[in-house]
Amino acid sequence: MEHSLPILPTISTSFIVLSAIFVAIGWYLIRQRNIEAHKKVMIWAAVFALLFFLIYLSRTVFIGNTSFGGPDNMKIYYTIFLVFHIVLATVGAIFGIVTLLSGFKNNLVKHKKLGPMTSVIWFFTATTGVAVYLLLYVFYRGGETTSVIKAILGF
């Protein structure tokens, strides 16, 4: 039996993918010494990441999170992977904000040091985020949509 993909998670996941693509383009542009284009592209990367976060947060607050609907013997692996993704996303967001602020303040020593590290963290965050989306909505049907604690920990 076919099922449709949920609209908000699909849109928010698309935004995080766009964010990662723009980070990659921004990285390429700065390697080419195209500073102005780099700034514009990285601002767009941040906008897409913020759009993801706002949709995710709104859905979490007003609708809830979807628990894993796959086989019971895979739930522990999914949960470990999800916790890894959440930690990575949190670290990536903090690094992203600090990296953006250092760029805006023209603190280029700090910005050049943090930028590549932040980008790599963000690529892993986006990749694991897409994997979470695929596991929740594509490979398996999502479980019940409920509070964050119950969705993540299962109780």
N, C-alpha and C. Protein backbone atom coordinates (compact mmCIF):
# COMPACT_ATOMS: atom_id res chain seq x y z
N MET A 1 0.84 -1.18 0.00
CA MET A 1 0.00 0.00 0.00
C MET A 1 0.89 1.25 0.00
N GLU A 2 0.62 2.17 -0.88
CA GLU A 2 1.44 3.37 -1.03
C GLU A 2 1.03 4.40 0.01
N HIS A 3 2.01 5.17 0.48
CA HIS A 3 1.70 6.25 1.40
C HIS A 3 2.38 7.53 0.93
N SER A 4 1.78 8.65 1.27
CA SER A 4 2.35 9.93 0.84
C SER A 4 3.33 10.42 1.89
N LEU A 5 4.24 11.26 1.44
CA LEU A 5 5.24 11.83 2.34
C LEU A 5 4.64 13.03 3.07
N PRO A 6 4.95 13.19 4.34
CA PRO A 6 4.43 14.33 5.10
C PRO A 6 5.04 15.64 4.58
N ILE A 7 4.24 16.66 4.43
CA ILE A 7 4.67 17.88 3.77
C ILE A 7 5.72 18.67 4.56
N LEU A 8 5.50 18.91 5.85
CA LEU A 8 6.45 19.74 6.60
C LEU A 8 7.83 19.10 6.73
N PRO A 9 7.95 17.82 7.10
CA PRO A 9 9.29 17.22 7.15
C PRO A 9 9.97 17.19 5.77
N THR A 10 9.19 17.02 4.72
CA THR A 10 9.76 17.00 3.37
C THR A 10 10.31 18.38 3.01
N ILE A 11 9.55 19.42 3.33
CA ILE A 11 10.02 20.79 3.05
C ILE A 11 11.23 21.12 3.90
N SER A 12 11.17 20.83 5.20
CA SER A 12 12.29 21.19 6.07
C SER A 12 13.56 20.42 5.70
N THR A 13 13.42 19.16 5.33
CA THR A 13 14.60 18.39 4.90
C THR A 13 15.17 18.97 3.61
N SER A 14 14.31 19.42 2.73
CA SER A 14 14.78 20.07 1.49
C SER A 14 15.58 21.32 1.82
N PHE A 15 15.14 22.08 2.82
CA PHE A 15 15.88 23.29 3.20
C PHE A 15 17.26 22.96 3.75
N ILE A 16 17.38 21.88 4.52
CA ILE A 16 18.69 21.56 5.07
C ILE A 16 19.62 21.07 3.97
N VAL A 17 19.07 20.37 2.98
CA VAL A 17 19.87 19.95 1.82
C VAL A 17 20.34 21.19 1.04
N LEU A 18 19.43 22.13 0.82
CA LEU A 18 19.81 23.37 0.14
C LEU A 18 20.89 24.12 0.92
N SER A 19 20.76 24.14 2.23
CA SER A 19 21.76 24.79 3.07
C SER A 19 23.14 24.16 2.85
N ALA A 20 23.19 22.85 2.86
CA ALA A 20 24.48 22.16 2.66
C ALA A 20 25.04 22.42 1.27
N ILE A 21 24.18 22.43 0.26
CA ILE A 21 24.63 22.73 -1.10
C ILE A 21 25.21 24.14 -1.17
N PHE A 22 24.53 25.09 -0.53
CA PHE A 22 25.03 26.47 -0.54
C PHE A 22 26.34 26.59 0.24
N VAL A 23 26.50 25.83 1.32
CA VAL A 23 27.78 25.83 2.04
C VAL A 23 28.89 25.31 1.11
N ALA A 24 28.61 24.26 0.36
CA ALA A 24 29.62 23.72 -0.57
C ALA A 24 29.97 24.75 -1.64
N ILE A 25 28.96 25.44 -2.17
CA ILE A 25 29.22 26.48 -3.18
C ILE A 25 30.03 27.62 -2.55
N GLY A 26 29.67 27.99 -1.33
CA GLY A 26 30.40 29.05 -0.62
C GLY A 26 31.85 28.69 -0.38
N TRP A 27 32.08 27.44 -0.04
CA TRP A 27 33.45 26.96 0.17
C TRP A 27 34.23 27.05 -1.14
N TYR A 28 33.61 26.62 -2.23
CA TYR A 28 34.24 26.72 -3.54
C TYR A 28 34.57 28.18 -3.88
N LEU A 29 33.61 29.07 -3.65
CA LEU A 29 33.80 30.49 -3.99
C LEU A 29 34.95 31.11 -3.21
N ILE A 30 35.07 30.79 -1.93
CA ILE A 30 36.15 31.38 -1.14
C ILE A 30 37.50 30.81 -1.56
N ARG A 31 37.51 29.56 -2.00
CA ARG A 31 38.76 28.97 -2.53
C ARG A 31 39.18 29.67 -3.82
N GLN A 32 38.20 30.24 -4.53
CA GLN A 32 38.46 31.01 -5.75
C GLN A 32 38.73 32.49 -5.44
N ARG A 33 38.74 32.83 -4.15
CA ARG A 33 38.95 34.20 -3.67
C ARG A 33 37.83 35.17 -4.08
N ASN A 34 36.64 34.63 -4.30
CA ASN A 34 35.49 35.44 -4.65
C ASN A 34 34.72 35.75 -3.36
N ILE A 35 35.23 36.73 -2.61
CA ILE A 35 34.76 37.02 -1.26
C ILE A 35 33.31 37.49 -1.24
N GLU A 36 32.94 38.40 -2.13
CA GLU A 36 31.57 38.94 -2.12
C GLU A 36 30.54 37.85 -2.43
N ALA A 37 30.82 37.03 -3.44
CA ALA A 37 29.89 35.93 -3.77
C ALA A 37 29.84 34.93 -2.61
N HIS A 38 30.99 34.66 -1.98
CA HIS A 38 31.05 33.77 -0.82
C HIS A 38 30.12 34.27 0.28
N LYS A 39 30.20 35.55 0.59
CA LYS A 39 29.35 36.13 1.64
C LYS A 39 27.87 35.91 1.32
N LYS A 40 27.48 36.24 0.10
CA LYS A 40 26.06 36.12 -0.29
C LYS A 40 25.58 34.68 -0.22
N VAL A 41 26.38 33.77 -0.73
CA VAL A 41 25.99 32.36 -0.74
C VAL A 41 25.91 31.80 0.68
N MET A 42 26.85 32.18 1.53
CA MET A 42 26.83 31.68 2.90
C MET A 42 25.66 32.26 3.70
N ILE A 43 25.27 33.49 3.39
CA ILE A 43 24.07 34.04 4.04
C ILE A 43 22.85 33.22 3.61
N TRP A 44 22.77 32.86 2.32
CA TRP A 44 21.67 32.01 1.86
C TRP A 44 21.70 30.64 2.53
N ALA A 45 22.89 30.10 2.73
CA ALA A 45 23.02 28.81 3.44
C ALA A 45 22.44 28.94 4.85
N ALA A 46 22.74 30.06 5.51
CA ALA A 46 22.22 30.29 6.86
C ALA A 46 20.71 30.49 6.84
N VAL A 47 20.19 31.19 5.84
CA VAL A 47 18.74 31.40 5.71
C VAL A 47 18.03 30.06 5.56
N PHE A 48 18.56 29.19 4.69
CA PHE A 48 17.94 27.87 4.49
C PHE A 48 18.00 27.05 5.78
N ALA A 49 19.12 27.12 6.50
CA ALA A 49 19.23 26.40 7.78
C ALA A 49 18.22 26.94 8.78
N LEU A 50 18.05 28.27 8.81
CA LEU A 50 17.09 28.88 9.72
C LEU A 50 15.65 28.49 9.35
N LEU A 51 15.34 28.46 8.06
CA LEU A 51 14.02 28.02 7.62
C LEU A 51 13.75 26.58 8.05
N PHE A 52 14.77 25.72 7.88
CA PHE A 52 14.63 24.34 8.37
C PHE A 52 14.27 24.35 9.85
N PHE A 53 15.06 25.09 10.63
CA PHE A 53 14.90 25.08 12.07
C PHE A 53 13.52 25.60 12.49
N LEU A 54 13.07 26.68 11.84
CA LEU A 54 11.76 27.25 12.19
C LEU A 54 10.63 26.27 11.88
N ILE A 55 10.71 25.58 10.75
CA ILE A 55 9.68 24.57 10.41
C ILE A 55 9.76 23.41 11.40
N TYR A 56 10.98 22.94 11.66
CA TYR A 56 11.17 21.82 12.60
C TYR A 56 10.63 22.18 13.98
N LEU A 57 11.00 23.35 14.47
CA LEU A 57 10.58 23.79 15.80
C LEU A 57 9.05 23.95 15.86
N SER A 58 8.46 24.58 14.84
CA SER A 58 7.01 24.76 14.80
C SER A 58 6.30 23.42 14.80
N ARG A 59 6.78 22.51 13.98
CA ARG A 59 6.15 21.18 13.91
C ARG A 59 6.28 20.46 15.25
N THR A 60 7.46 20.57 15.87
CA THR A 60 7.69 19.91 17.15
C THR A 60 6.76 20.46 18.23
N VAL A 61 6.62 21.79 18.27
CA VAL A 61 5.79 22.41 19.29
C VAL A 61 4.30 22.16 19.05
N PHE A 62 3.85 22.34 17.82
CA PHE A 62 2.41 22.31 17.54
C PHE A 62 1.87 20.94 17.15
N ILE A 63 2.71 20.09 16.59
CA ILE A 63 2.24 18.77 16.12
C ILE A 63 2.90 17.65 16.91
N GLY A 64 4.19 17.78 17.16
CA GLY A 64 4.95 16.74 17.84
C GLY A 64 5.95 16.12 16.89
N ASN A 65 6.72 15.18 17.39
CA ASN A 65 7.70 14.45 16.58
C ASN A 65 7.17 13.07 16.25
N THR A 66 7.66 12.53 15.15
CA THR A 66 7.24 11.21 14.72
C THR A 66 8.23 10.17 15.23
N SER A 67 7.72 9.15 15.89
CA SER A 67 8.59 8.08 16.38
C SER A 67 8.93 7.12 15.24
N PHE A 68 9.97 6.35 15.44
CA PHE A 68 10.43 5.39 14.43
C PHE A 68 9.38 4.31 14.24
N GLY A 69 9.01 4.06 12.99
CA GLY A 69 7.98 3.07 12.70
C GLY A 69 8.51 1.79 12.10
N GLY A 70 9.83 1.65 12.08
CA GLY A 70 10.44 0.45 11.51
C GLY A 70 10.40 -0.71 12.48
N PRO A 71 11.10 -1.79 12.12
CA PRO A 71 11.11 -3.00 12.95
C PRO A 71 11.64 -2.73 14.37
N ASP A 72 11.04 -3.40 15.34
CA ASP A 72 11.44 -3.22 16.74
C ASP A 72 12.92 -3.49 16.96
N ASN A 73 13.49 -4.48 16.25
CA ASN A 73 14.90 -4.82 16.47
C ASN A 73 15.85 -3.75 15.92
N MET A 74 15.33 -2.78 15.17
CA MET A 74 16.16 -1.68 14.66
C MET A 74 16.01 -0.40 15.46
N LYS A 75 15.05 -0.35 16.38
CA LYS A 75 14.78 0.89 17.10
C LYS A 75 15.98 1.40 17.89
N ILE A 76 16.71 0.51 18.52
CA ILE A 76 17.88 0.94 19.32
C ILE A 76 18.93 1.57 18.41
N TYR A 77 19.15 1.00 17.23
CA TYR A 77 20.13 1.57 16.29
C TYR A 77 19.67 2.92 15.76
N TYR A 78 18.38 3.01 15.46
CA TYR A 78 17.81 4.28 15.01
C TYR A 78 17.97 5.34 16.11
N THR A 79 17.66 4.97 17.34
CA THR A 79 17.73 5.92 18.46
C THR A 79 19.16 6.42 18.66
N ILE A 80 20.14 5.52 18.62
CA ILE A 80 21.55 5.91 18.75
C ILE A 80 21.92 6.86 17.61
N PHE A 81 21.51 6.52 16.39
CA PHE A 81 21.80 7.35 15.22
C PHE A 81 21.14 8.72 15.36
N LEU A 82 19.89 8.75 15.85
CA LEU A 82 19.17 10.00 16.02
C LEU A 82 19.85 10.89 17.06
N VAL A 83 20.26 10.31 18.17
CA VAL A 83 20.96 11.09 19.20
C VAL A 83 22.26 11.65 18.64
N PHE A 84 23.00 10.84 17.87
CA PHE A 84 24.22 11.31 17.21
C PHE A 84 23.90 12.49 16.29
N HIS A 85 22.83 12.38 15.50
CA HIS A 85 22.43 13.47 14.60
C HIS A 85 22.06 14.73 15.39
N ILE A 86 21.32 14.59 16.47
CA ILE A 86 20.91 15.74 17.27
C ILE A 86 22.12 16.46 17.86
N VAL A 87 23.07 15.69 18.39
CA VAL A 87 24.30 16.28 18.94
C VAL A 87 25.07 16.99 17.83
N LEU A 88 25.23 16.32 16.70
CA LEU A 88 25.93 16.90 15.55
C LEU A 88 25.25 18.19 15.08
N ALA A 89 23.92 18.17 14.98
CA ALA A 89 23.17 19.34 14.54
C ALA A 89 23.33 20.50 15.51
N THR A 90 23.33 20.20 16.79
CA THR A 90 23.48 21.25 17.81
C THR A 90 24.88 21.87 17.73
N VAL A 91 25.89 21.02 17.65
CA VAL A 91 27.27 21.50 17.52
C VAL A 91 27.42 22.29 16.21
N GLY A 92 26.85 21.76 15.13
CA GLY A 92 26.93 22.44 13.83
C GLY A 92 26.26 23.80 13.85
N ALA A 93 25.12 23.90 14.51
CA ALA A 93 24.40 25.18 14.60
C ALA A 93 25.22 26.20 15.40
N ILE A 94 25.79 25.77 16.52
CA ILE A 94 26.61 26.68 17.34
C ILE A 94 27.84 27.12 16.55
N PHE A 95 28.54 26.17 15.95
CA PHE A 95 29.70 26.51 15.13
C PHE A 95 29.29 27.43 13.97
N GLY A 96 28.13 27.15 13.37
CA GLY A 96 27.66 27.96 12.26
C GLY A 96 27.43 29.40 12.67
N ILE A 97 26.78 29.61 13.80
CA ILE A 97 26.52 30.96 14.30
C ILE A 97 27.83 31.69 14.60
N VAL A 98 28.74 31.01 15.30
CA VAL A 98 30.03 31.63 15.64
C VAL A 98 30.83 31.94 14.37
N THR A 99 30.81 31.02 13.41
CA THR A 99 31.53 31.24 12.15
C THR A 99 30.94 32.42 11.38
N LEU A 100 29.62 32.47 11.29
CA LEU A 100 28.97 33.61 10.62
C LEU A 100 29.30 34.93 11.31
N LEU A 101 29.18 34.95 12.62
CA LEU A 101 29.46 36.18 13.36
C LEU A 101 30.91 36.63 13.19
N SER A 102 31.83 35.68 13.20
CA SER A 102 33.25 36.06 13.01
C SER A 102 33.46 36.62 11.61
N GLY A 103 32.75 36.10 10.62
CA GLY A 103 32.82 36.65 9.26
C GLY A 103 32.23 38.04 9.19
N PHE A 104 31.05 38.24 9.81
CA PHE A 104 30.40 39.56 9.80
C PHE A 104 31.25 40.61 10.51
N LYS A 105 31.95 40.18 11.57
CA LYS A 105 32.79 41.11 12.33
C LYS A 105 34.17 41.28 11.70
N ASN A 106 34.38 40.61 10.58
CA ASN A 106 35.65 40.66 9.85
C ASN A 106 36.82 40.12 10.67
N ASN A 107 36.52 39.21 11.60
CA ASN A 107 37.56 38.53 12.37
C ASN A 107 38.00 37.33 11.52
N LEU A 108 38.82 37.62 10.51
CA LEU A 108 39.12 36.62 9.49
C LEU A 108 40.03 35.50 9.98
N VAL A 109 40.86 35.77 10.99
CA VAL A 109 41.71 34.70 11.53
C VAL A 109 40.81 33.61 12.12
N LYS A 110 39.86 34.03 12.94
CA LYS A 110 38.92 33.08 13.56
C LYS A 110 38.03 32.44 12.48
N HIS A 111 37.53 33.27 11.55
CA HIS A 111 36.62 32.79 10.52
C HIS A 111 37.29 31.74 9.63
N LYS A 112 38.54 32.00 9.23
CA LYS A 112 39.25 31.04 8.36
C LYS A 112 39.56 29.73 9.09
N LYS A 113 39.75 29.83 10.39
CA LYS A 113 40.01 28.63 11.19
C LYS A 113 38.74 27.79 11.37
N LEU A 114 37.63 28.46 11.66
CA LEU A 114 36.38 27.76 11.95
C LEU A 114 35.63 27.31 10.69
N GLY A 115 35.73 28.08 9.62
CA GLY A 115 34.94 27.84 8.41
C GLY A 115 35.00 26.42 7.88
N PRO A 116 36.20 25.91 7.58
CA PRO A 116 36.27 24.54 7.04
C PRO A 116 35.73 23.49 8.01
N MET A 117 36.04 23.65 9.30
CA MET A 117 35.56 22.69 10.31
C MET A 117 34.03 22.74 10.40
N THR A 118 33.49 23.95 10.41
CA THR A 118 32.03 24.13 10.49
C THR A 118 31.36 23.51 9.27
N SER A 119 31.96 23.72 8.10
CA SER A 119 31.38 23.18 6.86
C SER A 119 31.31 21.66 6.89
N VAL A 120 32.37 21.03 7.35
CA VAL A 120 32.39 19.56 7.42
C VAL A 120 31.33 19.07 8.40
N ILE A 121 31.25 19.72 9.55
CA ILE A 121 30.22 19.34 10.53
C ILE A 121 28.84 19.50 9.91
N TRP A 122 28.64 20.59 9.16
CA TRP A 122 27.33 20.84 8.55
C TRP A 122 26.99 19.80 7.48
N PHE A 123 28.00 19.38 6.70
CA PHE A 123 27.76 18.34 5.69
C PHE A 123 27.31 17.04 6.36
N PHE A 124 27.97 16.67 7.46
CA PHE A 124 27.57 15.46 8.20
C PHE A 124 26.18 15.63 8.82
N THR A 125 25.90 16.83 9.32
CA THR A 125 24.58 17.10 9.89
C THR A 125 23.50 16.94 8.84
N ALA A 126 23.72 17.53 7.67
CA ALA A 126 22.73 17.43 6.59
C ALA A 126 22.56 15.98 6.14
N THR A 127 23.66 15.28 6.00
CA THR A 127 23.61 13.88 5.55
C THR A 127 22.86 13.00 6.55
N THR A 128 23.19 13.16 7.84
CA THR A 128 22.49 12.35 8.84
C THR A 128 21.03 12.78 8.97
N GLY A 129 20.75 14.07 8.74
CA GLY A 129 19.37 14.55 8.75
C GLY A 129 18.54 13.93 7.64
N VAL A 130 19.12 13.83 6.46
CA VAL A 130 18.43 13.17 5.35
C VAL A 130 18.21 11.69 5.68
N ALA A 131 19.22 11.06 6.28
CA ALA A 131 19.07 9.65 6.67
C ALA A 131 17.93 9.47 7.67
N VAL A 132 17.82 10.36 8.65
CA VAL A 132 16.72 10.30 9.62
C VAL A 132 15.38 10.43 8.89
N TYR A 133 15.29 11.39 7.98
CA TYR A 133 14.07 11.58 7.19
C TYR A 133 13.73 10.31 6.41
N LEU A 134 14.71 9.73 5.74
CA LEU A 134 14.48 8.51 4.96
C LEU A 134 14.00 7.36 5.84
N LEU A 135 14.63 7.22 7.02
CA LEU A 135 14.24 6.15 7.93
C LEU A 135 12.84 6.36 8.51
N LEU A 136 12.49 7.62 8.74
CA LEU A 136 11.17 7.91 9.34
C LEU A 136 10.02 7.87 8.34
N TYR A 137 10.29 8.31 7.11
CA TYR A 137 9.16 8.54 6.20
C TYR A 137 9.22 7.79 4.87
N VAL A 138 10.38 7.33 4.46
CA VAL A 138 10.50 6.71 3.14
C VAL A 138 10.69 5.20 3.25
N PHE A 139 11.73 4.77 3.96
CA PHE A 139 12.00 3.33 4.07
C PHE A 139 10.96 2.62 4.93
N TYR A 140 10.49 3.32 5.97
CA TYR A 140 9.45 2.79 6.85
C TYR A 140 8.39 3.87 7.03
N ARG A 141 7.19 3.44 7.37
CA ARG A 141 6.17 4.42 7.73
C ARG A 141 6.51 4.96 9.10
N GLY A 142 6.29 6.24 9.28
CA GLY A 142 6.53 6.82 10.60
C GLY A 142 5.64 6.20 11.63
N GLY A 143 6.13 6.16 12.86
CA GLY A 143 5.31 5.69 13.98
C GLY A 143 4.35 6.80 14.38
N GLU A 144 3.90 6.76 15.62
CA GLU A 144 2.97 7.79 16.05
C GLU A 144 3.69 9.13 16.18
N THR A 145 2.94 10.20 15.99
CA THR A 145 3.46 11.54 16.18
C THR A 145 3.06 11.98 17.57
N THR A 146 4.09 12.31 18.37
CA THR A 146 3.84 12.56 19.79
C THR A 146 4.90 13.52 20.33
N SER A 147 4.96 13.66 21.64
CA SER A 147 5.91 14.57 22.26
C SER A 147 7.35 14.18 21.93
N VAL A 148 8.23 15.14 22.01
CA VAL A 148 9.64 14.92 21.66
C VAL A 148 10.26 13.81 22.51
N ILE A 149 10.06 13.86 23.80
CA ILE A 149 10.67 12.88 24.71
C ILE A 149 10.21 11.47 24.35
N LYS A 150 8.91 11.29 24.16
CA LYS A 150 8.39 9.97 23.83
C LYS A 150 8.88 9.49 22.47
N ALA A 151 8.95 10.40 21.51
CA ALA A 151 9.40 10.02 20.16
C ALA A 151 10.86 9.58 20.16
N ILE A 152 11.72 10.28 20.90
CA ILE A 152 13.15 9.97 20.91
C ILE A 152 13.44 8.76 21.79
N LEU A 153 12.90 8.76 22.98
CA LEU A 153 13.26 7.72 23.95
C LEU A 153 12.30 6.53 23.96
N GLY A 154 11.13 6.69 23.35
CA GLY A 154 10.21 5.58 23.26
C GLY A 154 9.30 5.40 24.47
N PHE A 155 9.33 6.34 25.41
CA PHE A 155 8.41 6.23 26.57
C PHE A 155 7.92 7.59 26.98
